[in-house]
Full PDB file with SEQRES, HELIX, SHEET, SSBOND, CRYST1, ORIGX, SCALE, CONECT and MASTER records, all heavy atoms in Angstrom:
SEQRES   1 A   38  SER TRP ILE SER ARG ILE ASN LEU VAL ALA ALA LEU PHE          
SEQRES   2 A   38  SER SER PRO PRO PHE PRO ALA ALA VAL GLY SER GLN ARG          
SEQRES   3 A   38  ARG PHE VAL ARG PRO ILE LEU PRO ALA ALA PRO SER              
HELIX    1 AA1 TRP A    2  PHE A   13  1                                  12    
CRYST1    1.000    1.000    1.000  90.00  90.00  90.00 P 1           1          
ORIGX1      1.000000  0.000000  0.000000        0.00000                         
ORIGX2      0.000000  1.000000  0.000000        0.00000                         
ORIGX3      0.000000  0.000000  1.000000        0.00000                         
SCALE1      1.000000  0.000000  0.000000        0.00000                         
SCALE2      0.000000  1.000000  0.000000        0.00000                         
SCALE3      0.000000  0.000000  1.000000        0.00000                         
ATOM      1  N   SER A   1     154.113 143.776 152.840  1.00  0.00           N  
ATOM      2  CA  SER A   1     153.436 142.898 151.901  1.00  0.00           C  
ATOM      3  C   SER A   1     152.817 143.711 150.764  1.00  0.00           C  
ATOM      4  O   SER A   1     152.953 143.364 149.583  1.00  0.00           O  
ATOM      5  CB  SER A   1     152.349 142.102 152.628  1.00  0.00           C  
ATOM      6  OG  SER A   1     151.600 141.347 151.709  1.00  0.00           O  
ATOM      7  N   TRP A   2     152.148 144.810 151.111  1.00  0.00           N  
ATOM      8  CA  TRP A   2     151.563 145.685 150.089  1.00  0.00           C  
ATOM      9  C   TRP A   2     152.653 146.260 149.188  1.00  0.00           C  
ATOM     10  O   TRP A   2     152.496 146.308 147.967  1.00  0.00           O  
ATOM     11  CB  TRP A   2     150.767 146.815 150.745  1.00  0.00           C  
ATOM     12  CG  TRP A   2     149.360 146.440 151.031  1.00  0.00           C  
ATOM     13  CD1 TRP A   2     148.861 145.935 152.196  1.00  0.00           C  
ATOM     14  CD2 TRP A   2     148.264 146.512 150.131  1.00  0.00           C  
ATOM     15  NE1 TRP A   2     147.515 145.701 152.072  1.00  0.00           N  
ATOM     16  CE2 TRP A   2     147.116 146.053 150.814  1.00  0.00           C  
ATOM     17  CE3 TRP A   2     148.121 146.924 148.818  1.00  0.00           C  
ATOM     18  CZ2 TRP A   2     145.871 145.994 150.209  1.00  0.00           C  
ATOM     19  CZ3 TRP A   2     146.870 146.860 148.220  1.00  0.00           C  
ATOM     20  CH2 TRP A   2     145.766 146.401 148.928  1.00  0.00           C  
ATOM     21  N   ILE A   3     153.739 146.716 149.785  1.00  0.00           N  
ATOM     22  CA  ILE A   3     154.831 147.311 148.998  1.00  0.00           C  
ATOM     23  C   ILE A   3     155.363 146.302 147.988  1.00  0.00           C  
ATOM     24  O   ILE A   3     155.501 146.612 146.795  1.00  0.00           O  
ATOM     25  CB  ILE A   3     155.949 147.823 149.926  1.00  0.00           C  
ATOM     26  CG1 ILE A   3     155.481 149.068 150.685  1.00  0.00           C  
ATOM     27  CG2 ILE A   3     157.211 148.135 149.131  1.00  0.00           C  
ATOM     28  CD1 ILE A   3     156.436 149.524 151.774  1.00  0.00           C  
ATOM     29  N   SER A   4     155.646 145.085 148.447  1.00  0.00           N  
ATOM     30  CA  SER A   4     156.219 144.098 147.522  1.00  0.00           C  
ATOM     31  C   SER A   4     155.219 143.690 146.447  1.00  0.00           C  
ATOM     32  O   SER A   4     155.597 143.527 145.279  1.00  0.00           O  
ATOM     33  CB  SER A   4     156.728 142.879 148.291  1.00  0.00           C  
ATOM     34  OG  SER A   4     155.675 142.195 148.903  1.00  0.00           O  
ATOM     35  N   ARG A   5     153.953 143.554 146.792  1.00  0.00           N  
ATOM     36  CA  ARG A   5     152.955 143.164 145.792  1.00  0.00           C  
ATOM     37  C   ARG A   5     152.713 144.276 144.773  1.00  0.00           C  
ATOM     38  O   ARG A   5     152.583 144.012 143.577  1.00  0.00           O  
ATOM     39  CB  ARG A   5     151.647 142.786 146.469  1.00  0.00           C  
ATOM     40  CG  ARG A   5     151.762 141.476 147.210  1.00  0.00           C  
ATOM     41  CD  ARG A   5     150.554 141.189 148.037  1.00  0.00           C  
ATOM     42  NE  ARG A   5     150.808 140.069 148.917  1.00  0.00           N  
ATOM     43  CZ  ARG A   5     149.928 139.133 149.194  1.00  0.00           C  
ATOM     44  NH1 ARG A   5     148.726 139.198 148.671  1.00  0.00           N  
ATOM     45  NH2 ARG A   5     150.238 138.157 149.999  1.00  0.00           N  
ATOM     46  N   ILE A   6     152.646 145.511 145.244  1.00  0.00           N  
ATOM     47  CA  ILE A   6     152.457 146.630 144.306  1.00  0.00           C  
ATOM     48  C   ILE A   6     153.644 146.728 143.362  1.00  0.00           C  
ATOM     49  O   ILE A   6     153.484 146.894 142.154  1.00  0.00           O  
ATOM     50  CB  ILE A   6     152.238 147.954 145.073  1.00  0.00           C  
ATOM     51  CG1 ILE A   6     150.866 147.951 145.751  1.00  0.00           C  
ATOM     52  CG2 ILE A   6     152.381 149.151 144.134  1.00  0.00           C  
ATOM     53  CD1 ILE A   6     150.643 149.108 146.698  1.00  0.00           C  
ATOM     54  N   ASN A   7     154.863 146.600 143.898  1.00  0.00           N  
ATOM     55  CA  ASN A   7     156.049 146.695 143.043  1.00  0.00           C  
ATOM     56  C   ASN A   7     156.123 145.542 142.052  1.00  0.00           C  
ATOM     57  O   ASN A   7     156.553 145.725 140.909  1.00  0.00           O  
ATOM     58  CB  ASN A   7     157.316 146.782 143.892  1.00  0.00           C  
ATOM     59  CG  ASN A   7     157.464 148.149 144.532  1.00  0.00           C  
ATOM     60  OD1 ASN A   7     156.940 149.139 144.046  1.00  0.00           O  
ATOM     61  ND2 ASN A   7     158.172 148.198 145.630  1.00  0.00           N  
ATOM     62  N   LEU A   8     155.685 144.364 142.459  1.00  0.00           N  
ATOM     63  CA  LEU A   8     155.664 143.224 141.540  1.00  0.00           C  
ATOM     64  C   LEU A   8     154.688 143.485 140.397  1.00  0.00           C  
ATOM     65  O   LEU A   8     155.030 143.330 139.219  1.00  0.00           O  
ATOM     66  CB  LEU A   8     155.277 141.940 142.274  1.00  0.00           C  
ATOM     67  CG  LEU A   8     155.082 140.712 141.384  1.00  0.00           C  
ATOM     68  CD1 LEU A   8     156.392 140.323 140.711  1.00  0.00           C  
ATOM     69  CD2 LEU A   8     154.515 139.558 142.186  1.00  0.00           C  
ATOM     70  N   VAL A   9     153.483 143.913 140.728  1.00  0.00           N  
ATOM     71  CA  VAL A   9     152.489 144.203 139.691  1.00  0.00           C  
ATOM     72  C   VAL A   9     152.958 145.359 138.813  1.00  0.00           C  
ATOM     73  O   VAL A   9     152.821 145.321 137.583  1.00  0.00           O  
ATOM     74  CB  VAL A   9     151.105 144.507 140.324  1.00  0.00           C  
ATOM     75  CG1 VAL A   9     150.127 145.028 139.287  1.00  0.00           C  
ATOM     76  CG2 VAL A   9     150.559 143.261 141.005  1.00  0.00           C  
ATOM     77  N   ALA A  10     153.561 146.377 139.423  1.00  0.00           N  
ATOM     78  CA  ALA A  10     154.070 147.505 138.637  1.00  0.00           C  
ATOM     79  C   ALA A  10     155.132 147.021 137.651  1.00  0.00           C  
ATOM     80  O   ALA A  10     155.143 147.441 136.487  1.00  0.00           O  
ATOM     81  CB  ALA A  10     154.646 148.574 139.563  1.00  0.00           C  
ATOM     82  N   ALA A  11     156.009 146.152 138.100  1.00  0.00           N  
ATOM     83  CA  ALA A  11     157.045 145.635 137.202  1.00  0.00           C  
ATOM     84  C   ALA A  11     156.438 144.796 136.078  1.00  0.00           C  
ATOM     85  O   ALA A  11     156.854 144.903 134.921  1.00  0.00           O  
ATOM     86  CB  ALA A  11     158.057 144.812 137.989  1.00  0.00           C  
ATOM     87  N   LEU A  12     155.443 143.987 136.407  1.00  0.00           N  
ATOM     88  CA  LEU A  12     154.816 143.153 135.388  1.00  0.00           C  
ATOM     89  C   LEU A  12     154.040 143.979 134.365  1.00  0.00           C  
ATOM     90  O   LEU A  12     153.903 143.589 133.212  1.00  0.00           O  
ATOM     91  CB  LEU A  12     153.884 142.127 136.037  1.00  0.00           C  
ATOM     92  CG  LEU A  12     154.582 141.038 136.854  1.00  0.00           C  
ATOM     93  CD1 LEU A  12     153.553 140.191 137.586  1.00  0.00           C  
ATOM     94  CD2 LEU A  12     155.454 140.166 135.966  1.00  0.00           C  
ATOM     95  N   PHE A  13     153.525 145.128 134.775  1.00  0.00           N  
ATOM     96  CA  PHE A  13     152.721 145.962 133.886  1.00  0.00           C  
ATOM     97  C   PHE A  13     153.537 147.058 133.206  1.00  0.00           C  
ATOM     98  O   PHE A  13     152.991 147.860 132.475  1.00  0.00           O  
ATOM     99  CB  PHE A  13     151.560 146.604 134.652  1.00  0.00           C  
ATOM    100  CG  PHE A  13     150.361 145.714 134.737  1.00  0.00           C  
ATOM    101  CD1 PHE A  13     150.297 144.725 135.692  1.00  0.00           C  
ATOM    102  CD2 PHE A  13     149.308 145.859 133.855  1.00  0.00           C  
ATOM    103  CE1 PHE A  13     149.205 143.885 135.771  1.00  0.00           C  
ATOM    104  CE2 PHE A  13     148.207 145.020 133.926  1.00  0.00           C  
ATOM    105  CZ  PHE A  13     148.161 144.022 134.890  1.00  0.00           C  
ATOM    106  N   SER A  14     154.830 147.121 133.463  1.00  0.00           N  
ATOM    107  CA  SER A  14     155.647 148.210 132.933  1.00  0.00           C  
ATOM    108  C   SER A  14     156.379 147.783 131.667  1.00  0.00           C  
ATOM    109  O   SER A  14     157.395 147.100 131.727  1.00  0.00           O  
ATOM    110  CB  SER A  14     156.648 148.685 133.987  1.00  0.00           C  
ATOM    111  OG  SER A  14     155.967 149.173 135.113  1.00  0.00           O  
ATOM    112  N   SER A  15     155.854 148.197 130.547  1.00  0.00           N  
ATOM    113  CA  SER A  15     156.526 147.957 129.276  1.00  0.00           C  
ATOM    114  C   SER A  15     157.694 148.922 129.155  1.00  0.00           C  
ATOM    115  O   SER A  15     157.680 149.993 129.764  1.00  0.00           O  
ATOM    116  CB  SER A  15     155.561 148.200 128.116  1.00  0.00           C  
ATOM    117  OG  SER A  15     154.494 147.285 128.174  1.00  0.00           O  
ATOM    118  N   PRO A  16     158.707 148.564 128.376  1.00  0.00           N  
ATOM    119  CA  PRO A  16     159.829 149.490 128.205  1.00  0.00           C  
ATOM    120  C   PRO A  16     159.348 150.833 127.661  1.00  0.00           C  
ATOM    121  O   PRO A  16     158.414 150.882 126.861  1.00  0.00           O  
ATOM    122  CB  PRO A  16     160.732 148.782 127.189  1.00  0.00           C  
ATOM    123  CG  PRO A  16     160.364 147.344 127.288  1.00  0.00           C  
ATOM    124  CD  PRO A  16     158.913 147.317 127.658  1.00  0.00           C  
ATOM    125  N   PRO A  17     159.973 151.926 128.094  1.00  0.00           N  
ATOM    126  CA  PRO A  17     159.532 153.247 127.639  1.00  0.00           C  
ATOM    127  C   PRO A  17     159.809 153.468 126.158  1.00  0.00           C  
ATOM    128  O   PRO A  17     160.742 152.902 125.602  1.00  0.00           O  
ATOM    129  CB  PRO A  17     160.348 154.220 128.491  1.00  0.00           C  
ATOM    130  CG  PRO A  17     161.417 153.434 129.121  1.00  0.00           C  
ATOM    131  CD  PRO A  17     161.062 151.998 129.044  1.00  0.00           C  
ATOM    132  N   PHE A  18     158.957 154.285 125.561  1.00  0.00           N  
ATOM    133  CA  PHE A  18     159.191 154.717 124.191  1.00  0.00           C  
ATOM    134  C   PHE A  18     160.201 155.852 124.231  1.00  0.00           C  
ATOM    135  O   PHE A  18     160.284 156.572 125.225  1.00  0.00           O  
ATOM    136  CB  PHE A  18     157.892 155.231 123.550  1.00  0.00           C  
ATOM    137  CG  PHE A  18     156.814 154.192 123.448  1.00  0.00           C  
ATOM    138  CD1 PHE A  18     155.587 154.392 124.052  1.00  0.00           C  
ATOM    139  CD2 PHE A  18     157.018 153.015 122.742  1.00  0.00           C  
ATOM    140  CE1 PHE A  18     154.579 153.447 123.957  1.00  0.00           C  
ATOM    141  CE2 PHE A  18     156.016 152.065 122.647  1.00  0.00           C  
ATOM    142  CZ  PHE A  18     154.799 152.284 123.254  1.00  0.00           C  
ATOM    143  N   PRO A  19     160.949 156.059 123.160  1.00  0.00           N  
ATOM    144  CA  PRO A  19     161.861 157.206 123.145  1.00  0.00           C  
ATOM    145  C   PRO A  19     161.079 158.506 123.256  1.00  0.00           C  
ATOM    146  O   PRO A  19     159.919 158.588 122.859  1.00  0.00           O  
ATOM    147  CB  PRO A  19     162.553 157.112 121.784  1.00  0.00           C  
ATOM    148  CG  PRO A  19     162.252 155.757 121.260  1.00  0.00           C  
ATOM    149  CD  PRO A  19     161.020 155.264 121.960  1.00  0.00           C  
ATOM    150  N   ALA A  20     161.728 159.504 123.809  1.00  0.00           N  
ATOM    151  CA  ALA A  20     161.091 160.815 123.943  1.00  0.00           C  
ATOM    152  C   ALA A  20     160.839 161.402 122.558  1.00  0.00           C  
ATOM    153  O   ALA A  20     161.498 161.040 121.586  1.00  0.00           O  
ATOM    154  CB  ALA A  20     161.983 161.751 124.753  1.00  0.00           C  
ATOM    155  N   ALA A  21     159.876 162.297 122.510  1.00  0.00           N  
ATOM    156  CA  ALA A  21     159.571 162.973 121.254  1.00  0.00           C  
ATOM    157  C   ALA A  21     160.783 163.771 120.787  1.00  0.00           C  
ATOM    158  O   ALA A  21     161.528 164.324 121.587  1.00  0.00           O  
ATOM    159  CB  ALA A  21     158.372 163.886 121.445  1.00  0.00           C  
ATOM    160  N   VAL A  22     160.971 163.825 119.490  1.00  0.00           N  
ATOM    161  CA  VAL A  22     162.091 164.547 118.911  1.00  0.00           C  
ATOM    162  C   VAL A  22     161.592 165.898 118.431  1.00  0.00           C  
ATOM    163  O   VAL A  22     160.558 165.999 117.792  1.00  0.00           O  
ATOM    164  CB  VAL A  22     162.705 163.759 117.727  1.00  0.00           C  
ATOM    165  CG1 VAL A  22     163.833 164.535 117.091  1.00  0.00           C  
ATOM    166  CG2 VAL A  22     163.168 162.399 118.197  1.00  0.00           C  
ATOM    167  N   GLY A  23     162.337 166.929 118.771  1.00  0.00           N  
ATOM    168  CA  GLY A  23     161.970 168.273 118.352  1.00  0.00           C  
ATOM    169  C   GLY A  23     163.167 168.993 117.782  1.00  0.00           C  
ATOM    170  O   GLY A  23     164.292 168.491 117.797  1.00  0.00           O  
ATOM    171  N   SER A  24     162.938 170.182 117.311  1.00  0.00           N  
ATOM    172  CA  SER A  24     164.027 170.950 116.722  1.00  0.00           C  
ATOM    173  C   SER A  24     164.891 171.610 117.802  1.00  0.00           C  
ATOM    174  O   SER A  24     166.020 171.992 117.534  1.00  0.00           O  
ATOM    175  CB  SER A  24     163.466 172.019 115.773  1.00  0.00           C  
ATOM    176  OG  SER A  24     162.612 172.884 116.493  1.00  0.00           O  
ATOM    177  N   GLN A  25     164.356 171.735 119.021  1.00  0.00           N  
ATOM    178  CA  GLN A  25     165.127 172.327 120.101  1.00  0.00           C  
ATOM    179  C   GLN A  25     165.821 171.225 120.886  1.00  0.00           C  
ATOM    180  O   GLN A  25     165.356 170.092 120.926  1.00  0.00           O  
ATOM    181  CB  GLN A  25     164.215 173.131 121.025  1.00  0.00           C  
ATOM    182  CG  GLN A  25     163.529 174.268 120.326  1.00  0.00           C  
ATOM    183  CD  GLN A  25     162.583 174.988 121.273  1.00  0.00           C  
ATOM    184  OE1 GLN A  25     162.376 174.565 122.396  1.00  0.00           O  
ATOM    185  NE2 GLN A  25     162.019 176.080 120.797  1.00  0.00           N  
ATOM    186  N   ARG A  26     166.916 171.558 121.531  1.00  0.00           N  
ATOM    187  CA  ARG A  26     167.660 170.567 122.301  1.00  0.00           C  
ATOM    188  C   ARG A  26     167.192 170.580 123.753  1.00  0.00           C  
ATOM    189  O   ARG A  26     167.969 170.782 124.660  1.00  0.00           O  
ATOM    190  CB  ARG A  26     169.151 170.871 122.238  1.00  0.00           C  
ATOM    191  CG  ARG A  26     169.751 170.626 120.903  1.00  0.00           C  
ATOM    192  CD  ARG A  26     171.232 170.849 120.895  1.00  0.00           C  
ATOM    193  NE  ARG A  26     171.803 170.839 122.241  1.00  0.00           N  
ATOM    194  CZ  ARG A  26     172.999 171.281 122.560  1.00  0.00           C  
ATOM    195  NH1 ARG A  26     173.750 171.799 121.630  1.00  0.00           N  
ATOM    196  NH2 ARG A  26     173.447 171.246 123.799  1.00  0.00           N  
ATOM    197  N   ARG A  27     165.918 170.388 123.961  1.00  0.00           N  
ATOM    198  CA  ARG A  27     165.357 170.361 125.306  1.00  0.00           C  
ATOM    199  C   ARG A  27     165.278 168.927 125.775  1.00  0.00           C  
ATOM    200  O   ARG A  27     165.078 168.011 124.996  1.00  0.00           O  
ATOM    201  CB  ARG A  27     163.951 170.950 125.313  1.00  0.00           C  
ATOM    202  CG  ARG A  27     163.903 172.423 125.069  1.00  0.00           C  
ATOM    203  CD  ARG A  27     162.492 172.966 125.158  1.00  0.00           C  
ATOM    204  NE  ARG A  27     161.787 172.411 126.312  1.00  0.00           N  
ATOM    205  CZ  ARG A  27     160.518 172.042 126.297  1.00  0.00           C  
ATOM    206  NH1 ARG A  27     159.809 172.167 125.212  1.00  0.00           N  
ATOM    207  NH2 ARG A  27     159.945 171.559 127.379  1.00  0.00           N  
ATOM    208  N   PHE A  28     165.361 168.750 127.096  1.00  0.00           N  
ATOM    209  CA  PHE A  28     165.170 167.426 127.668  1.00  0.00           C  
ATOM    210  C   PHE A  28     163.672 167.137 127.746  1.00  0.00           C  
ATOM    211  O   PHE A  28     162.893 167.939 128.231  1.00  0.00           O  
ATOM    212  CB  PHE A  28     165.786 167.337 129.069  1.00  0.00           C  
ATOM    213  CG  PHE A  28     165.394 166.089 129.788  1.00  0.00           C  
ATOM    214  CD1 PHE A  28     165.911 164.864 129.400  1.00  0.00           C  
ATOM    215  CD2 PHE A  28     164.478 166.114 130.825  1.00  0.00           C  
ATOM    216  CE1 PHE A  28     165.529 163.698 130.033  1.00  0.00           C  
ATOM    217  CE2 PHE A  28     164.094 164.952 131.475  1.00  0.00           C  
ATOM    218  CZ  PHE A  28     164.623 163.742 131.077  1.00  0.00           C  
ATOM    219  N   VAL A  29     163.278 165.975 127.271  1.00  0.00           N  
ATOM    220  CA  VAL A  29     161.888 165.525 127.336  1.00  0.00           C  
ATOM    221  C   VAL A  29     161.908 164.110 127.888  1.00  0.00           C  
ATOM    222  O   VAL A  29     162.654 163.254 127.385  1.00  0.00           O  
ATOM    223  CB  VAL A  29     161.211 165.553 125.948  1.00  0.00           C  
ATOM    224  CG1 VAL A  29     159.783 165.072 126.034  1.00  0.00           C  
ATOM    225  CG2 VAL A  29     161.285 166.943 125.349  1.00  0.00           C  
ATOM    226  N   ARG A  30     161.109 163.877 128.919  1.00  0.00           N  
ATOM    227  CA  ARG A  30     161.046 162.532 129.503  1.00  0.00           C  
ATOM    228  C   ARG A  30     160.503 161.538 128.482  1.00  0.00           C  
ATOM    229  O   ARG A  30     159.643 161.875 127.677  1.00  0.00           O  
ATOM    230  CB  ARG A  30     160.129 162.522 130.723  1.00  0.00           C  
ATOM    231  CG  ARG A  30     160.713 163.272 131.877  1.00  0.00           C  
ATOM    232  CD  ARG A  30     159.911 163.250 133.151  1.00  0.00           C  
ATOM    233  NE  ARG A  30     158.682 162.497 133.164  1.00  0.00           N  
ATOM    234  CZ  ARG A  30     157.651 162.786 133.926  1.00  0.00           C  
ATOM    235  NH1 ARG A  30     157.685 163.802 134.741  1.00  0.00           N  
ATOM    236  NH2 ARG A  30     156.564 162.054 133.906  1.00  0.00           N  
ATOM    237  N   PRO A  31     160.986 160.286 128.532  1.00  0.00           N  
ATOM    238  CA  PRO A  31     160.439 159.265 127.632  1.00  0.00           C  
ATOM    239  C   PRO A  31     158.957 159.033 127.917  1.00  0.00           C  
ATOM    240  O   PRO A  31     158.474 159.304 129.014  1.00  0.00           O  
ATOM    241  CB  PRO A  31     161.244 158.010 127.969  1.00  0.00           C  
ATOM    242  CG  PRO A  31     162.426 158.474 128.721  1.00  0.00           C  
ATOM    243  CD  PRO A  31     162.070 159.783 129.348  1.00  0.00           C  
ATOM    244  N   ILE A  32     158.275 158.491 126.956  1.00  0.00           N  
ATOM    245  CA  ILE A  32     156.849 158.194 127.094  1.00  0.00           C  
ATOM    246  C   ILE A  32     156.714 156.807 127.711  1.00  0.00           C  
ATOM    247  O   ILE A  32     157.285 155.835 127.214  1.00  0.00           O  
ATOM    248  CB  ILE A  32     156.158 158.253 125.725  1.00  0.00           C  
ATOM    249  CG1 ILE A  32     156.334 159.647 125.128  1.00  0.00           C  
ATOM    250  CG2 ILE A  32     154.694 157.864 125.832  1.00  0.00           C  
ATOM    251  CD1 ILE A  32     156.031 159.725 123.648  1.00  0.00           C  
ATOM    252  N   LEU A  33     155.964 156.722 128.807  1.00  0.00           N  
ATOM    253  CA  LEU A  33     155.778 155.447 129.496  1.00  0.00           C  
ATOM    254  C   LEU A  33     154.458 154.834 129.071  1.00  0.00           C  
ATOM    255  O   LEU A  33     153.396 155.371 129.366  1.00  0.00           O  
ATOM    256  CB  LEU A  33     155.800 155.658 131.013  1.00  0.00           C  
ATOM    257  CG  LEU A  33     157.085 156.272 131.557  1.00  0.00           C  
ATOM    258  CD1 LEU A  33     156.954 156.560 133.043  1.00  0.00           C  
ATOM    259  CD2 LEU A  33     158.262 155.368 131.289  1.00  0.00           C  
ATOM    260  N   PRO A  34     154.496 153.708 128.359  1.00  0.00           N  
ATOM    261  CA  PRO A  34     153.255 153.102 127.885  1.00  0.00           C  
ATOM    262  C   PRO A  34     152.440 152.534 129.042  1.00  0.00           C  
ATOM    263  O   PRO A  34     152.983 151.998 130.004  1.00  0.00           O  
ATOM    264  CB  PRO A  34     153.730 151.986 126.951  1.00  0.00           C  
ATOM    265  CG  PRO A  34     155.126 151.704 127.370  1.00  0.00           C  
ATOM    266  CD  PRO A  34     155.674 152.962 127.960  1.00  0.00           C  
ATOM    267  N   ALA A  35     151.132 152.665 128.953  1.00  0.00           N  
ATOM    268  CA  ALA A  35     150.240 152.148 129.992  1.00  0.00           C  
ATOM    269  C   ALA A  35     149.837 150.708 129.719  1.00  0.00           C  
ATOM    270  O   ALA A  35     149.293 150.047 130.596  1.00  0.00           O  
ATOM    271  CB  ALA A  35     148.991 153.025 130.090  1.00  0.00           C  
ATOM    272  N   ALA A  36     150.116 150.211 128.532  1.00  0.00           N  
ATOM    273  CA  ALA A  36     149.752 148.829 128.192  1.00  0.00           C  
ATOM    274  C   ALA A  36     150.673 147.861 128.929  1.00  0.00           C  
ATOM    275  O   ALA A  36     151.865 148.116 129.051  1.00  0.00           O  
ATOM    276  CB  ALA A  36     149.866 148.620 126.691  1.00  0.00           C  
ATOM    277  N   PRO A  37     150.105 146.764 129.414  1.00  0.00           N  
ATOM    278  CA  PRO A  37     150.956 145.763 130.090  1.00  0.00           C  
ATOM    279  C   PRO A  37     151.987 145.179 129.132  1.00  0.00           C  
ATOM    280  O   PRO A  37     151.770 145.100 127.933  1.00  0.00           O  
ATOM    281  CB  PRO A  37     149.975 144.680 130.534  1.00  0.00           C  
ATOM    282  CG  PRO A  37     148.621 145.252 130.385  1.00  0.00           C  
ATOM    283  CD  PRO A  37     148.705 146.380 129.403  1.00  0.00           C  
ATOM    284  N   SER A  38     153.099 144.775 129.687  1.00  0.00           N  
ATOM    285  CA  SER A  38     154.143 144.157 128.888  1.00  0.00           C  
ATOM    286  C   SER A  38     153.692 142.776 128.430  1.00  0.00           C  
ATOM    287  O   SER A  38     153.012 142.062 129.158  1.00  0.00           O  
ATOM    288  CB  SER A  38     155.421 144.029 129.709  1.00  0.00           C  
ATOM    289  OG  SER A  38     156.399 143.363 128.955  1.00  0.00           O  
TER     290      SER A  38                                                      
MASTER        0    0    0    1    0    0    0    6  289    1    0    3          
END                                                                             
């Protein structure tokens, strides 16, 4: 019950990620995950 409720709230609060920062080097950078609710 806790698992399903936490995952539901996490999904409801997860806005689509922003693109990763762009730099001059070709390094992998994880996308930025917004904390604001969708």
